[in-house]
Amino acid sequence: MLRGQLDKLGVERVEHNIWDDPSQAAVVRQYANGNETVPTVVVGDVALVNPSAPALAAHLASQAPHLLPEGFEAPQPGAIGRAHGKIFR
């Protein structure tokens, strides 16, 4: 699901198959409380475990805009995301 959403947004990425690469599985477990949760997205020293595309886009826009395509516009949050933003700001 995240892969398809990132494709639609034009966000490039490097994917690792944690079941084929034990060292990458260890990285995921480090950030996911010992679990092999996919997707786990690592940007620098920050990891997002099973993020939504809007959450990942917002993180990239604020922390690593150079990883986004030129002219990128983050998707607008849905009703639940807007409510969450109003409640937890």
C-alpha atoms as a PDB file:
ATOM      1  CA  MET A   1       0.000   0.000   0.000  1.00  0.00           C
ATOM      2  CA  LEU A   2       2.704   2.524   0.964  1.00  0.00           C
ATOM      3  CA  ARG A   3       4.763   1.539  -2.090  1.00  0.00           C
ATOM      4  CA  GLY A   4       1.895   2.377  -4.451  1.00  0.00           C
ATOM      5  CA  GLN A   5       1.147   5.659  -2.699  1.00  0.00           C
ATOM      6  CA  LEU A   6       4.795   6.714  -2.895  1.00  0.00           C
ATOM      7  CA  ASP A   7       4.851   5.795  -6.591  1.00  0.00           C
ATOM      8  CA  LYS A   8       1.824   8.054  -7.160  1.00  0.00           C
ATOM      9  CA  LEU A   9       3.578  10.886  -5.327  1.00  0.00           C
ATOM     10  CA  GLY A  10       6.805  10.352  -7.280  1.00  0.00           C
ATOM     11  CA  VAL A  11       8.858   9.616  -4.151  1.00  0.00           C
ATOM     12  CA  GLU A  12      11.855   7.406  -4.902  1.00  0.00           C
ATOM     13  CA  ARG A  13      13.172   4.959  -2.349  1.00  0.00           C
ATOM     14  CA  VAL A  14      15.571   2.104  -1.748  1.00  0.00           C
ATOM     15  CA  GLU A  15      13.846  -1.063  -0.636  1.00  0.00           C
ATOM     16  CA  HIS A  16      15.400  -3.933   1.287  1.00  0.00           C
ATOM     17  CA  ASN A  17      13.976  -7.417   1.676  1.00  0.00           C
ATOM     18  CA  ILE A  18      14.518  -8.092   5.360  1.00  0.00           C
ATOM     19  CA  TRP A  19      13.833 -11.809   4.912  1.00  0.00           C
ATOM     20  CA  ASP A  20      16.714 -12.086   2.448  1.00  0.00           C
ATOM     21  CA  ASP A  21      19.123  -9.814   4.324  1.00  0.00           C
ATOM     22  CA  PRO A  22      19.647 -10.510   8.042  1.00  0.00           C
ATOM     23  CA  SER A  23      21.502  -7.228   8.562  1.00  0.00           C
ATOM     24  CA  GLN A  24      18.506  -5.252   7.267  1.00  0.00           C
ATOM     25  CA  ALA A  25      16.165  -7.323   9.432  1.00  0.00           C
ATOM     26  CA  ALA A  26      18.283  -6.307  12.424  1.00  0.00           C
ATOM     27  CA  VAL A  27      17.859  -2.634  11.505  1.00  0.00           C
ATOM     28  CA  VAL A  28      14.080  -3.010  11.363  1.00  0.00           C
ATOM     29  CA  ARG A  29      13.983  -4.869  14.693  1.00  0.00           C
ATOM     30  CA  GLN A  30      16.079  -2.091  16.249  1.00  0.00           C
ATOM     31  CA  TYR A  31      13.426   0.496  15.405  1.00  0.00           C
ATOM     32  CA  ALA A  32      10.305  -1.676  15.705  1.00  0.00           C
ATOM     33  CA  ASN A  33      10.659  -2.892  19.302  1.00  0.00           C
ATOM     34  CA  GLY A  34      12.216  -6.180  18.229  1.00  0.00           C
ATOM     35  CA  ASN A  35       9.571  -6.855  15.578  1.00  0.00           C
ATOM     36  CA  GLU A  36      10.038  -7.272  11.850  1.00  0.00           C
ATOM     37  CA  THR A  37       7.364  -4.727  10.945  1.00  0.00           C
ATOM     38  CA  VAL A  38       7.227  -3.702   7.314  1.00  0.00           C
ATOM     39  CA  PRO A  39       7.226  -1.133   6.053  1.00  0.00           C
ATOM     40  CA  THR A  40       9.711   0.510   8.355  1.00  0.00           C
ATOM     41  CA  VAL A  41      11.165   3.610   6.749  1.00  0.00           C
ATOM     42  CA  VAL A  42      14.544   4.860   7.928  1.00  0.00           C
ATOM     43  CA  VAL A  43      15.637   8.380   7.004  1.00  0.00           C
ATOM     44  CA  GLY A  44      18.968   9.268   8.566  1.00  0.00           C
ATOM     45  CA  ASP A  45      18.698   8.285  12.206  1.00  0.00           C
ATOM     46  CA  VAL A  46      14.895   8.501  12.343  1.00  0.00           C
ATOM     47  CA  ALA A  47      12.601   5.563  11.620  1.00  0.00           C
ATOM     48  CA  LEU A  48       8.887   5.535  10.953  1.00  0.00           C
ATOM     49  CA  VAL A  49       7.269   2.168  11.578  1.00  0.00           C
ATOM     50  CA  ASN A  50       4.365   1.430   9.221  1.00  0.00           C
ATOM     51  CA  PRO A  51       3.817   5.106   8.327  1.00  0.00           C
ATOM     52  CA  SER A  52       1.040   6.453   6.152  1.00  0.00           C
ATOM     53  CA  ALA A  53       2.105   8.150   2.932  1.00  0.00           C
ATOM     54  CA  PRO A  54       0.998  11.599   4.225  1.00  0.00           C
ATOM     55  CA  ALA A  55       2.941  11.111   7.476  1.00  0.00           C
ATOM     56  CA  LEU A  56       6.065  10.073   5.581  1.00  0.00           C
ATOM     57  CA  ALA A  57       5.672  12.952   3.118  1.00  0.00           C
ATOM     58  CA  ALA A  58       5.324  15.428   5.987  1.00  0.00           C
ATOM     59  CA  HIS A  59       8.423  14.013   7.666  1.00  0.00           C
ATOM     60  CA  LEU A  60      10.430  14.226   4.449  1.00  0.00           C
ATOM     61  CA  ALA A  61       9.187  17.752   3.717  1.00  0.00           C
ATOM     62  CA  SER A  62      10.333  18.981   7.121  1.00  0.00           C
ATOM     63  CA  GLN A  63      13.465  16.877   7.668  1.00  0.00           C
ATOM     64  CA  ALA A  64      14.773  15.782   4.261  1.00  0.00           C
ATOM     65  CA  PRO A  65      13.196  17.856   1.459  1.00  0.00           C
ATOM     66  CA  HIS A  66      16.081  16.933  -0.852  1.00  0.00           C
ATOM     67  CA  LEU A  67      14.592  13.409  -1.030  1.00  0.00           C
ATOM     68  CA  LEU A  68      11.330  14.678  -2.546  1.00  0.00           C
ATOM     69  CA  PRO A  69      10.779  15.346  -6.245  1.00  0.00           C
ATOM     70  CA  GLU A  70      11.060  18.956  -7.383  1.00  0.00           C
ATOM     71  CA  GLY A  71       7.760  20.777  -6.980  1.00  0.00           C
ATOM     72  CA  PHE A  72       6.422  18.143  -4.592  1.00  0.00           C
ATOM     73  CA  GLU A  73       3.173  18.978  -2.845  1.00  0.00           C
ATOM     74  CA  ALA A  74       2.277  16.866   0.163  1.00  0.00           C
ATOM     75  CA  PRO A  75      -1.152  15.219   0.066  1.00  0.00           C
ATOM     76  CA  GLN A  76      -3.786  16.839   2.221  1.00  0.00           C
ATOM     77  CA  PRO A  77      -4.894  14.810   5.230  1.00  0.00           C
ATOM     78  CA  GLY A  78      -8.327  13.204   5.224  1.00  0.00           C
ATOM     79  CA  ALA A  79     -11.026  13.968   7.784  1.00  0.00           C
ATOM     80  CA  ILE A  80      -9.432  11.788  10.453  1.00  0.00           C
ATOM     81  CA  GLY A  81      -6.027  13.388   9.928  1.00  0.00           C
ATOM     82  CA  ARG A  82      -7.523  16.883  10.136  1.00  0.00           C
ATOM     83  CA  ALA A  83      -9.339  16.001  13.358  1.00  0.00           C
ATOM     84  CA  HIS A  84      -6.165  14.480  14.797  1.00  0.00           C
ATOM     85  CA  GLY A  85      -4.278  17.668  13.950  1.00  0.00           C
ATOM     86  CA  LYS A  86      -6.875  19.812  15.701  1.00  0.00           C
ATOM     87  CA  ILE A  87      -6.966  17.649  18.807  1.00  0.00           C
ATOM     88  CA  PHE A  88      -3.221  17.061  19.226  1.00  0.00           C
ATOM     89  CA  ARG A  89      -1.589  20.333  18.208  1.00  0.00           C
END
